C-alpha atoms as a PDB file:
ATOM      1  CA  MET A   1       1.865   7.292 -17.621  1.00  0.00           C
ATOM      2  CA  PRO A   2       5.609   6.023 -17.309  1.00  0.00           C
ATOM      3  CA  LYS A   3       6.423   5.044 -13.621  1.00  0.00           C
ATOM      4  CA  PRO A   4       9.679   6.342 -11.958  1.00  0.00           C
ATOM      5  CA  TYR A   5      11.082   3.166 -11.879  1.00  0.00           C
ATOM      6  CA  LEU A   6      10.748   2.298 -15.435  1.00  0.00           C
ATOM      7  CA  LEU A   7      12.772   5.009 -16.528  1.00  0.00           C
ATOM      8  CA  PRO A   8      16.253   4.155 -18.780  1.00  0.00           C
ATOM      9  CA  ARG A   9      18.312   5.993 -15.526  1.00  0.00           C
ATOM     10  CA  ASP A  10      17.921   6.493 -12.263  1.00  0.00           C
ATOM     11  CA  ILE A  11      15.147   8.978 -11.250  1.00  0.00           C
ATOM     12  CA  ALA A  12      17.425  11.225  -9.487  1.00  0.00           C
ATOM     13  CA  SER A  13      19.437  12.054 -12.437  1.00  0.00           C
ATOM     14  CA  TYR A  14      16.201  13.836 -14.453  1.00  0.00           C
ATOM     15  CA  SER A  15      14.995  17.071 -13.723  1.00  0.00           C
ATOM     16  CA  SER A  16      11.433  18.249 -13.332  1.00  0.00           C
ATOM     17  CA  ILE A  17      11.302  19.289 -16.822  1.00  0.00           C
ATOM     18  CA  ASN A  18      12.972  16.390 -18.227  1.00  0.00           C
ATOM     19  CA  LEU A  19       9.989  13.990 -16.641  1.00  0.00           C
ATOM     20  CA  GLU A  20       7.195  16.274 -17.961  1.00  0.00           C
ATOM     21  CA  HIS A  21       8.575  15.813 -21.301  1.00  0.00           C
ATOM     22  CA  ILE A  22       8.804  12.236 -21.342  1.00  0.00           C
ATOM     23  CA  ILE A  23       5.231  12.191 -19.930  1.00  0.00           C
ATOM     24  CA  ARG A  24       4.106  14.500 -22.789  1.00  0.00           C
ATOM     25  CA  GLN A  25       5.572  12.659 -25.246  1.00  0.00           C
ATOM     26  CA  SER A  26       4.298   9.407 -24.175  1.00  0.00           C
ATOM     27  CA  SER A  27       1.386   7.535 -26.120  1.00  0.00           C
ATOM     28  CA  TYR A  28       0.078   4.261 -25.590  1.00  0.00           C
ATOM     29  CA  PRO A  29      -2.263   2.327 -28.288  1.00  0.00           C
ATOM     30  CA  TRP A  30      -5.865   1.648 -26.665  1.00  0.00           C
ATOM     31  CA  ASN A  31      -7.782  -1.158 -28.907  1.00  0.00           C
ATOM     32  CA  SER A  32     -11.396  -0.447 -27.692  1.00  0.00           C
ATOM     33  CA  SER A  33     -12.770  -3.477 -29.756  1.00  0.00           C
ATOM     34  CA  SER A  34     -10.641  -6.193 -27.545  1.00  0.00           C
ATOM     35  CA  LEU A  35     -11.999  -4.915 -24.212  1.00  0.00           C
ATOM     36  CA  ASN A  36     -14.759  -7.407 -22.638  1.00  0.00           C
ATOM     37  CA  SER A  37     -16.857  -7.336 -19.189  1.00  0.00           C
ATOM     38  CA  ARG A  38     -16.116  -9.579 -16.797  1.00  0.00           C
ATOM     39  CA  LYS A  39     -18.775  -9.968 -13.723  1.00  0.00           C
ATOM     40  CA  ARG A  40     -16.868 -11.055 -10.691  1.00  0.00           C
ATOM     41  CA  VAL A  41     -17.663 -11.533  -6.914  1.00  0.00           C
ATOM     42  CA  PRO A  42     -14.223 -12.416  -5.681  1.00  0.00           C
ATOM     43  CA  VAL A  43     -15.024 -11.346  -2.085  1.00  0.00           C
ATOM     44  CA  LYS A  44     -17.231 -13.303   0.735  1.00  0.00           C
ATOM     45  CA  ASP A  45     -17.514 -10.575   2.802  1.00  0.00           C
ATOM     46  CA  PRO A  46     -19.446  -7.074   2.054  1.00  0.00           C
ATOM     47  CA  PHE A  47     -17.216  -4.651   0.126  1.00  0.00           C
ATOM     48  CA  ASN A  48     -17.711  -1.439   1.577  1.00  0.00           C
ATOM     49  CA  ASP A  49     -15.835   1.908   0.376  1.00  0.00           C
ATOM     50  CA  PHE A  50     -15.606   3.424   3.703  1.00  0.00           C
ATOM     51  CA  ASN A  51     -13.426   0.975   5.409  1.00  0.00           C
ATOM     52  CA  GLN A  52     -11.787  -0.910   2.787  1.00  0.00           C
ATOM     53  CA  SER A  53      -8.417   0.165   0.772  1.00  0.00           C
ATOM     54  CA  PHE A  54      -7.789  -1.103  -2.885  1.00  0.00           C
ATOM     55  CA  LEU A  55      -4.940  -0.815  -4.864  1.00  0.00           C
ATOM     56  CA  PHE A  56      -3.016  -1.536  -8.201  1.00  0.00           C
ATOM     57  CA  VAL A  57       0.778  -2.748  -7.982  1.00  0.00           C
ATOM     58  CA  PRO A  58       2.378  -0.446  -9.999  1.00  0.00           C
ATOM     59  CA  GLY A  59       2.966  -1.989 -13.121  1.00  0.00           C
ATOM     60  CA  GLY A  60      -0.749  -3.459 -12.914  1.00  0.00           C
ATOM     61  CA  ARG A  61      -0.326  -6.826 -12.861  1.00  0.00           C
ATOM     62  CA  TRP A  62      -2.045  -7.219  -9.736  1.00  0.00           C
ATOM     63  CA  VAL A  63      -4.790  -5.737  -7.167  1.00  0.00           C
ATOM     64  CA  LEU A  64      -4.735  -5.740  -3.945  1.00  0.00           C
ATOM     65  CA  TRP A  65      -7.828  -4.948  -1.262  1.00  0.00           C
ATOM     66  CA  SER A  66      -9.022  -5.402   2.161  1.00  0.00           C
ATOM     67  CA  GLN A  67     -11.715  -6.817   3.687  1.00  0.00           C
ATOM     68  CA  GLN A  68     -13.642  -5.862   6.386  1.00  0.00           C
ATOM     69  CA  SER A  69     -12.361  -8.543   8.643  1.00  0.00           C
ATOM     70  CA  GLY A  70      -8.382  -6.901   8.172  1.00  0.00           C
ATOM     71  CA  CYS A  71      -7.349  -9.505   5.822  1.00  0.00           C
ATOM     72  CA  VAL A  72      -5.419  -8.235   2.368  1.00  0.00           C
ATOM     73  CA  TRP A  73      -6.292 -10.136  -0.601  1.00  0.00           C
ATOM     74  CA  TYR A  74      -4.588 -10.085  -3.832  1.00  0.00           C
ATOM     75  CA  GLN A  75      -6.136 -11.101  -7.449  1.00  0.00           C
ATOM     76  CA  ASP A  76      -4.369 -11.031 -10.918  1.00  0.00           C
ATOM     77  CA  PRO A  77      -6.890  -9.479 -13.459  1.00  0.00           C
ATOM     78  CA  ASP A  78      -4.775 -11.401 -16.572  1.00  0.00           C
ATOM     79  CA  PHE A  79      -6.377 -14.532 -15.551  1.00  0.00           C
ATOM     80  CA  PRO A  80     -10.010 -15.739 -15.224  1.00  0.00           C
ATOM     81  CA  LEU A  81     -11.604 -16.086 -11.993  1.00  0.00           C
ATOM     82  CA  ASP A  82     -10.217 -19.149  -9.807  1.00  0.00           C
ATOM     83  CA  ALA A  83      -8.739 -20.081  -6.969  1.00  0.00           C
ATOM     84  CA  LEU A  84      -5.444 -19.624  -8.460  1.00  0.00           C
ATOM     85  CA  SER A  85      -5.714 -16.095  -9.568  1.00  0.00           C
ATOM     86  CA  GLU A  86      -6.531 -14.723  -6.153  1.00  0.00           C
ATOM     87  CA  GLY A  87      -6.125 -15.367  -2.392  1.00  0.00           C
ATOM     88  CA  VAL A  88      -5.553 -14.270   0.736  1.00  0.00           C
ATOM     89  CA  LEU A  89      -2.194 -12.408   0.741  1.00  0.00           C
ATOM     90  CA  ILE A  90      -1.897 -11.326   4.745  1.00  0.00           C
ATOM     91  CA  ALA A  91      -4.161 -12.587   7.785  1.00  0.00           C
ATOM     92  CA  SER A  92      -6.100 -10.025   9.697  1.00  0.00           C
ATOM     93  CA  PRO A  93      -4.391  -9.557  13.177  1.00  0.00           C
ATOM     94  CA  PHE A  94      -7.285  -9.449  14.708  1.00  0.00           C
ATOM     95  CA  ASP A  95      -9.240 -12.748  16.035  1.00  0.00           C
ATOM     96  CA  GLU A  96     -12.356 -13.755  13.337  1.00  0.00           C
ATOM     97  CA  VAL A  97     -14.587 -13.666  17.138  1.00  0.00           C
ATOM     98  CA  ASP A  98     -13.244 -10.413  18.045  1.00  0.00           C
ATOM     99  CA  THR A  99     -13.934  -8.685  14.665  1.00  0.00           C
ATOM    100  CA  SER A 100     -17.670  -9.912  14.107  1.00  0.00           C
ATOM    101  CA  GLN A 101     -18.890  -9.152  17.680  1.00  0.00           C
ATOM    102  CA  HIS A 102     -17.903  -5.274  16.914  1.00  0.00           C
ATOM    103  CA  LEU A 103     -20.301  -3.440  14.633  1.00  0.00           C
ATOM    104  CA  VAL A 104     -17.505  -1.447  13.489  1.00  0.00           C
ATOM    105  CA  ASN A 105     -15.540  -3.679  11.390  1.00  0.00           C
ATOM    106  CA  VAL A 106     -11.559  -2.871  10.604  1.00  0.00           C
ATOM    107  CA  MET A 107     -10.791  -0.183   8.270  1.00  0.00           C
ATOM    108  CA  SER A 108      -7.798  -1.031   6.399  1.00  0.00           C
ATOM    109  CA  THR A 109      -5.043   1.678   4.646  1.00  0.00           C
ATOM    110  CA  LEU A 110      -2.716   0.033   1.983  1.00  0.00           C
ATOM    111  CA  ALA A 111       0.659   1.409   1.057  1.00  0.00           C
ATOM    112  CA  ILE A 112       3.375  -0.294  -1.269  1.00  0.00           C
ATOM    113  CA  ASP A 113       7.122   1.201  -1.234  1.00  0.00           C
ATOM    114  CA  VAL A 114       8.489   1.361  -4.704  1.00  0.00           C
ATOM    115  CA  SER A 115      12.026   2.705  -3.726  1.00  0.00           C
ATOM    116  CA  SER A 116      14.820   2.016  -5.809  1.00  0.00           C
ATOM    117  CA  GLU A 117      16.172  -0.323  -3.317  1.00  0.00           C
ATOM    118  CA  LEU A 118      13.502  -3.063  -4.359  1.00  0.00           C
ATOM    119  CA  VAL A 119      13.067  -2.346  -8.231  1.00  0.00           C
ATOM    120  CA  GLU A 120      14.639  -4.715 -10.867  1.00  0.00           C
ATOM    121  CA  GLN A 121      15.650  -3.234 -13.710  1.00  0.00           C
ATOM    122  CA  GLY A 122      14.237  -4.005 -17.007  1.00  0.00           C
ATOM    123  CA  SER A 123      10.995  -5.503 -15.258  1.00  0.00           C
ATOM    124  CA  ALA A 124       7.832  -3.680 -16.025  1.00  0.00           C
ATOM    125  CA  ASN A 125       6.043  -4.862 -13.107  1.00  0.00           C
ATOM    126  CA  LEU A 126       7.202  -4.933  -9.107  1.00  0.00           C
ATOM    127  CA  LYS A 127       8.119  -8.753  -8.249  1.00  0.00           C
ATOM    128  CA  GLU A 128       9.293  -7.586  -5.135  1.00  0.00           C
ATOM    129  CA  PHE A 129       8.050  -4.924  -2.578  1.00  0.00           C
ATOM    130  CA  ASN A 130       7.448  -3.573   0.538  1.00  0.00           C
ATOM    131  CA  LEU A 131       3.731  -3.232   1.846  1.00  0.00           C
ATOM    132  CA  THR A 132       2.339  -1.179   4.682  1.00  0.00           C
ATOM    133  CA  VAL A 133      -0.949  -2.439   6.461  1.00  0.00           C
ATOM    134  CA  ILE A 134      -2.504  -0.192   9.000  1.00  0.00           C
ATOM    135  CA  SER A 135      -5.431  -2.040  10.211  1.00  0.00           C
ATOM    136  CA  ASN A 136      -7.785   0.031  12.765  1.00  0.00           C
ATOM    137  CA  GLN A 137     -10.396  -1.335  14.449  1.00  0.00           C
ATOM    138  CA  LEU A 138     -12.276   1.890  15.831  1.00  0.00           C
ATOM    139  CA  ARG A 139     -12.461   2.572  19.845  1.00  0.00           C
ATOM    140  CA  THR A 140     -10.425  -1.032  20.190  1.00  0.00           C
ATOM    141  CA  ALA A 141      -6.676  -1.275  18.580  1.00  0.00           C
ATOM    142  CA  ILE A 142      -4.622  -0.120  15.685  1.00  0.00           C
ATOM    143  CA  VAL A 143      -1.707  -2.126  14.226  1.00  0.00           C
ATOM    144  CA  ILE A 144       0.469  -1.231  11.592  1.00  0.00           C
ATOM    145  CA  ARG A 145       2.338  -3.845   9.831  1.00  0.00           C
ATOM    146  CA  VAL A 146       5.162  -3.619   7.130  1.00  0.00           C
ATOM    147  CA  TRP A 147       5.526  -7.032   5.054  1.00  0.00           C
ATOM    148  CA  LYS A 148       7.949  -7.963   2.326  1.00  0.00           C
ATOM    149  CA  VAL A 149       5.952  -9.458  -0.585  1.00  0.00           C
ATOM    150  CA  LYS A 150       7.385 -11.329  -3.495  1.00  0.00           C
ATOM    151  CA  VAL A 151       6.078 -12.965  -6.662  1.00  0.00           C
ATOM    152  CA  ASP A 152       6.354 -16.542  -6.612  1.00  0.00           C
ATOM    153  CA  ASP A 153       6.624 -17.854 -10.488  1.00  0.00           C
ATOM    154  CA  SER A 154       8.172 -21.149  -9.440  1.00  0.00           C
ATOM    155  CA  THR A 155       5.376 -23.189 -10.690  1.00  0.00           C
ATOM    156  CA  ALA A 156       4.333 -21.789 -13.837  1.00  0.00           C
ATOM    157  CA  THR A 157       4.747 -23.380 -16.897  1.00  0.00           C
ATOM    158  CA  GLN A 158       5.964 -22.152 -20.369  1.00  0.00           C
ATOM    159  CA  GLN A 159       2.253 -21.233 -21.158  1.00  0.00           C
ATOM    160  CA  GLY A 160       2.058 -19.219 -17.919  1.00  0.00           C
ATOM    161  CA  PHE A 161      -0.145 -21.783 -16.092  1.00  0.00           C
ATOM    162  CA  PRO A 162      -0.585 -22.067 -12.981  1.00  0.00           C
ATOM    163  CA  PRO A 163      -0.656 -18.299 -13.072  1.00  0.00           C
ATOM    164  CA  PRO A 164       2.504 -16.631 -10.566  1.00  0.00           C
ATOM    165  CA  THR A 165       1.088 -15.932  -6.909  1.00  0.00           C
ATOM    166  CA  LEU A 166       1.903 -13.201  -4.567  1.00  0.00           C
ATOM    167  CA  VAL A 167       3.379 -14.340  -1.247  1.00  0.00           C
ATOM    168  CA  ALA A 168       3.763 -12.178   2.080  1.00  0.00           C
ATOM    169  CA  THR A 169       7.447 -13.967   3.074  1.00  0.00           C
ATOM    170  CA  GLU A 170       8.229 -11.822   5.895  1.00  0.00           C
ATOM    171  CA  MET A 171       6.737  -9.511   8.240  1.00  0.00           C
ATOM    172  CA  LEU A 172       9.776  -6.690   8.718  1.00  0.00           C
ATOM    173  CA  ALA A 173       8.052  -4.623  11.526  1.00  0.00           C
ATOM    174  CA  SER A 174       4.442  -4.682  13.614  1.00  0.00           C
ATOM    175  CA  PHE A 175       3.488  -2.019  15.834  1.00  0.00           C
ATOM    176  CA  ASN A 176       0.704  -0.199  17.618  1.00  0.00           C
ATOM    177  CA  GLU A 177      -1.147   2.956  17.700  1.00  0.00           C
ATOM    178  CA  ASP A 178      -3.113   4.637  19.836  1.00  0.00           C
ATOM    179  CA  PRO A 179      -6.648   4.185  18.724  1.00  0.00           C
ATOM    180  CA  ILE A 180      -7.530   7.759  19.198  1.00  0.00           C
ATOM    181  CA  GLY A 181      -9.139   8.909  16.191  1.00  0.00           C
ATOM    182  CA  VAL A 182      -9.828   7.810  11.788  1.00  0.00           C
ATOM    183  CA  PHE A 183      -6.574   7.426   9.537  1.00  0.00           C
ATOM    184  CA  GLY A 184      -6.296   8.708   6.386  1.00  0.00           C
ATOM    185  CA  THR A 185      -3.933   8.169   4.035  1.00  0.00           C
ATOM    186  CA  CYS A 186      -0.225   6.746   4.644  1.00  0.00           C
ATOM    187  CA  SER A 187       3.017   6.756   2.598  1.00  0.00           C
ATOM    188  CA  LEU A 188       5.754   3.880   2.867  1.00  0.00           C
ATOM    189  CA  PHE A 189       9.355   5.064   1.638  1.00  0.00           C
ATOM    190  CA  GLY A 190      12.463   2.723   2.819  1.00  0.00           C
ATOM    191  CA  THR A 191      12.202   2.495   6.463  1.00  0.00           C
ATOM    192  CA  SER A 192      10.048   5.583   7.059  1.00  0.00           C
ATOM    193  CA  ILE A 193       5.990   5.636   7.226  1.00  0.00           C
ATOM    194  CA  ALA A 194       3.921   8.591   7.211  1.00  0.00           C
ATOM    195  CA  TYR A 195       0.040   8.438   8.237  1.00  0.00           C
ATOM    196  CA  SER A 196      -2.509  10.990   8.635  1.00  0.00           C
ATOM    197  CA  VAL A 197      -4.705  10.555  11.984  1.00  0.00           C
ATOM    198  CA  ALA A 198      -7.794  12.629  12.425  1.00  0.00           C
ATOM    199  CA  SER A 199      -8.943  13.244  16.081  1.00  0.00           C
ATOM    200  CA  PHE A 200      -9.441  16.268  18.482  1.00  0.00           C
ATOM    201  CA  LEU A 201      -5.850  16.996  16.313  1.00  0.00           C
ATOM    202  CA  ARG A 202      -5.196  16.468  12.752  1.00  0.00           C
ATOM    203  CA  LEU A 203      -1.778  14.922  12.436  1.00  0.00           C
ATOM    204  CA  ILE A 204       0.888  13.502  10.165  1.00  0.00           C
ATOM    205  CA  VAL A 205       2.699  10.797  12.218  1.00  0.00           C
ATOM    206  CA  ILE A 206       6.239   9.969  11.107  1.00  0.00           C
ATOM    207  CA  VAL A 207       8.178   6.945  12.554  1.00  0.00           C
ATOM    208  CA  THR A 208      11.270   4.904  11.324  1.00  0.00           C
ATOM    209  CA  TRP A 209      10.327   1.402  11.288  1.00  0.00           C
ATOM    210  CA  ASP A 210      13.562   0.008  10.859  1.00  0.00           C
ATOM    211  CA  SER A 211      16.384   1.963  13.274  1.00  0.00           C
ATOM    212  CA  LYS A 212      18.731   0.951  15.386  1.00  0.00           C
ATOM    213  CA  ASP A 213      17.554   4.379  17.391  1.00  0.00           C
ATOM    214  CA  VAL A 214      14.161   2.777  17.645  1.00  0.00           C
ATOM    215  CA  THR A 215      12.677   2.165  21.414  1.00  0.00           C
ATOM    216  CA  GLU A 216       9.126   1.000  22.259  1.00  0.00           C
ATOM    217  CA  ARG A 217       7.104   1.942  25.056  1.00  0.00           C
ATOM    218  CA  SER A 218       5.002  -0.830  26.945  1.00  0.00           C
ATOM    219  CA  ASN A 219       2.227  -0.038  24.871  1.00  0.00           C
ATOM    220  CA  ASN A 220       4.377  -1.311  21.849  1.00  0.00           C
ATOM    221  CA  LEU A 221       4.014   2.731  20.788  1.00  0.00           C
ATOM    222  CA  LEU A 222       6.933   2.890  18.203  1.00  0.00           C
ATOM    223  CA  TYR A 223       9.484   5.863  18.904  1.00  0.00           C
ATOM    224  CA  PRO A 224      10.867   8.189  18.416  1.00  0.00           C
ATOM    225  CA  ARG A 225       8.382   9.797  16.235  1.00  0.00           C
ATOM    226  CA  ARG A 226       7.564  13.062  14.557  1.00  0.00           C
ATOM    227  CA  TYR A 227       4.585  15.038  14.190  1.00  0.00           C
ATOM    228  CA  ILE A 228       3.039  17.666  11.626  1.00  0.00           C
ATOM    229  CA  GLU A 229      -0.109  19.358  12.500  1.00  0.00           C
ATOM    230  CA  THR A 230      -2.453  19.987   9.293  1.00  0.00           C
ATOM    231  CA  HIS A 231      -5.956  19.718   8.146  1.00  0.00           C
ATOM    232  CA  ARG A 232      -8.754  17.554   6.785  1.00  0.00           C
ATOM    233  CA  GLY A 233      -8.531  16.181   3.255  1.00  0.00           C
ATOM    234  CA  VAL A 234      -4.933  15.082   3.549  1.00  0.00           C
ATOM    235  CA  ILE A 235      -2.885  13.061   0.883  1.00  0.00           C
ATOM    236  CA  LEU A 236       0.750  11.810   1.681  1.00  0.00           C
ATOM    237  CA  TYR A 237       3.902  11.375  -0.978  1.00  0.00           C
ATOM    238  CA  HIS A 238       6.953  10.173   0.542  1.00  0.00           C
ATOM    239  CA  LEU A 239       9.894  11.717  -1.439  1.00  0.00           C
ATOM    240  CA  PRO A 240      13.884  10.686  -2.100  1.00  0.00           C
ATOM    241  CA  GLY A 241      15.655  12.602   0.779  1.00  0.00           C
ATOM    242  CA  GLY A 242      13.779  12.514   4.090  1.00  0.00           C
ATOM    243  CA  ARG A 243      11.314  14.733   2.290  1.00  0.00           C
ATOM    244  CA  LEU A 244       6.940  14.380   2.211  1.00  0.00           C
ATOM    245  CA  PHE A 245       4.752  16.164  -0.519  1.00  0.00           C
ATOM    246  CA  VAL A 246       1.615  16.709   1.372  1.00  0.00           C
ATOM    247  CA  VAL A 247      -1.663  17.602  -0.437  1.00  0.00           C
ATOM    248  CA  LYS A 248      -4.268  19.310   1.424  1.00  0.00           C
ATOM    249  CA  ASP A 249      -7.808  20.907   0.721  1.00  0.00           C
ATOM    250  CA  TYR A 250      -6.714  23.294  -2.123  1.00  0.00           C
ATOM    251  CA  THR A 251      -2.781  23.692  -1.030  1.00  0.00           C
ATOM    252  CA  ALA A 252       0.384  21.123  -1.450  1.00  0.00           C
ATOM    253  CA  ALA A 253       3.428  21.385   0.552  1.00  0.00           C
ATOM    254  CA  CYS A 254       6.444  19.968   1.173  1.00  0.00           C
ATOM    255  CA  PHE A 255       8.041  19.275   4.325  1.00  0.00           C
END
């Protein structure tokens, strides 16, 4: 499906009817005869759907996933499995000894910001984006970080080898959260992060990680913050204009 940043003009100039028409009229060939199966075991640690996060970078060129240790890996599916097409993008915020001694490993949640400020016009794949990593070691600590990630193709030849790599060039923000519950989905748009927390209350927390008004308490919690009381099964989407689209159970709402 077409992504907003691939449209010929700014998405703000489209109506919902225009966008629906574009999606309905779009079609892409699928040559099933060219498909092939590759058996890969790229991760040394056990892979558990419950405490991992897995996503494609919009455009489909890169795959990101987190391990039980809290590290975030990347892989380029276009290239065979080798040391050049995958690697550790972001290290775990927790010590290796600390994570190995706990029965509950790190639960990580990933979210990519595809806001227009970081989109290169005419590119089919994001070459630069901000990434939020929420690392949750239950009952111990929760660390939320925002990283700037770029594609490094400086060493690639005309034949495309060695393949480009993803590099986390700068940590833009890092703050803690109270380890009071289980984190669900999160969404990053510009300087705002929204994430759902399930504890004795089910809340959506919204913080601005890059603001002149930000203050911090002694335990490194980020303030000011806003709360929205919600229910289980929440999926979040940040929208332009400071709006938040929330899908919960069988209903949807916009705040």
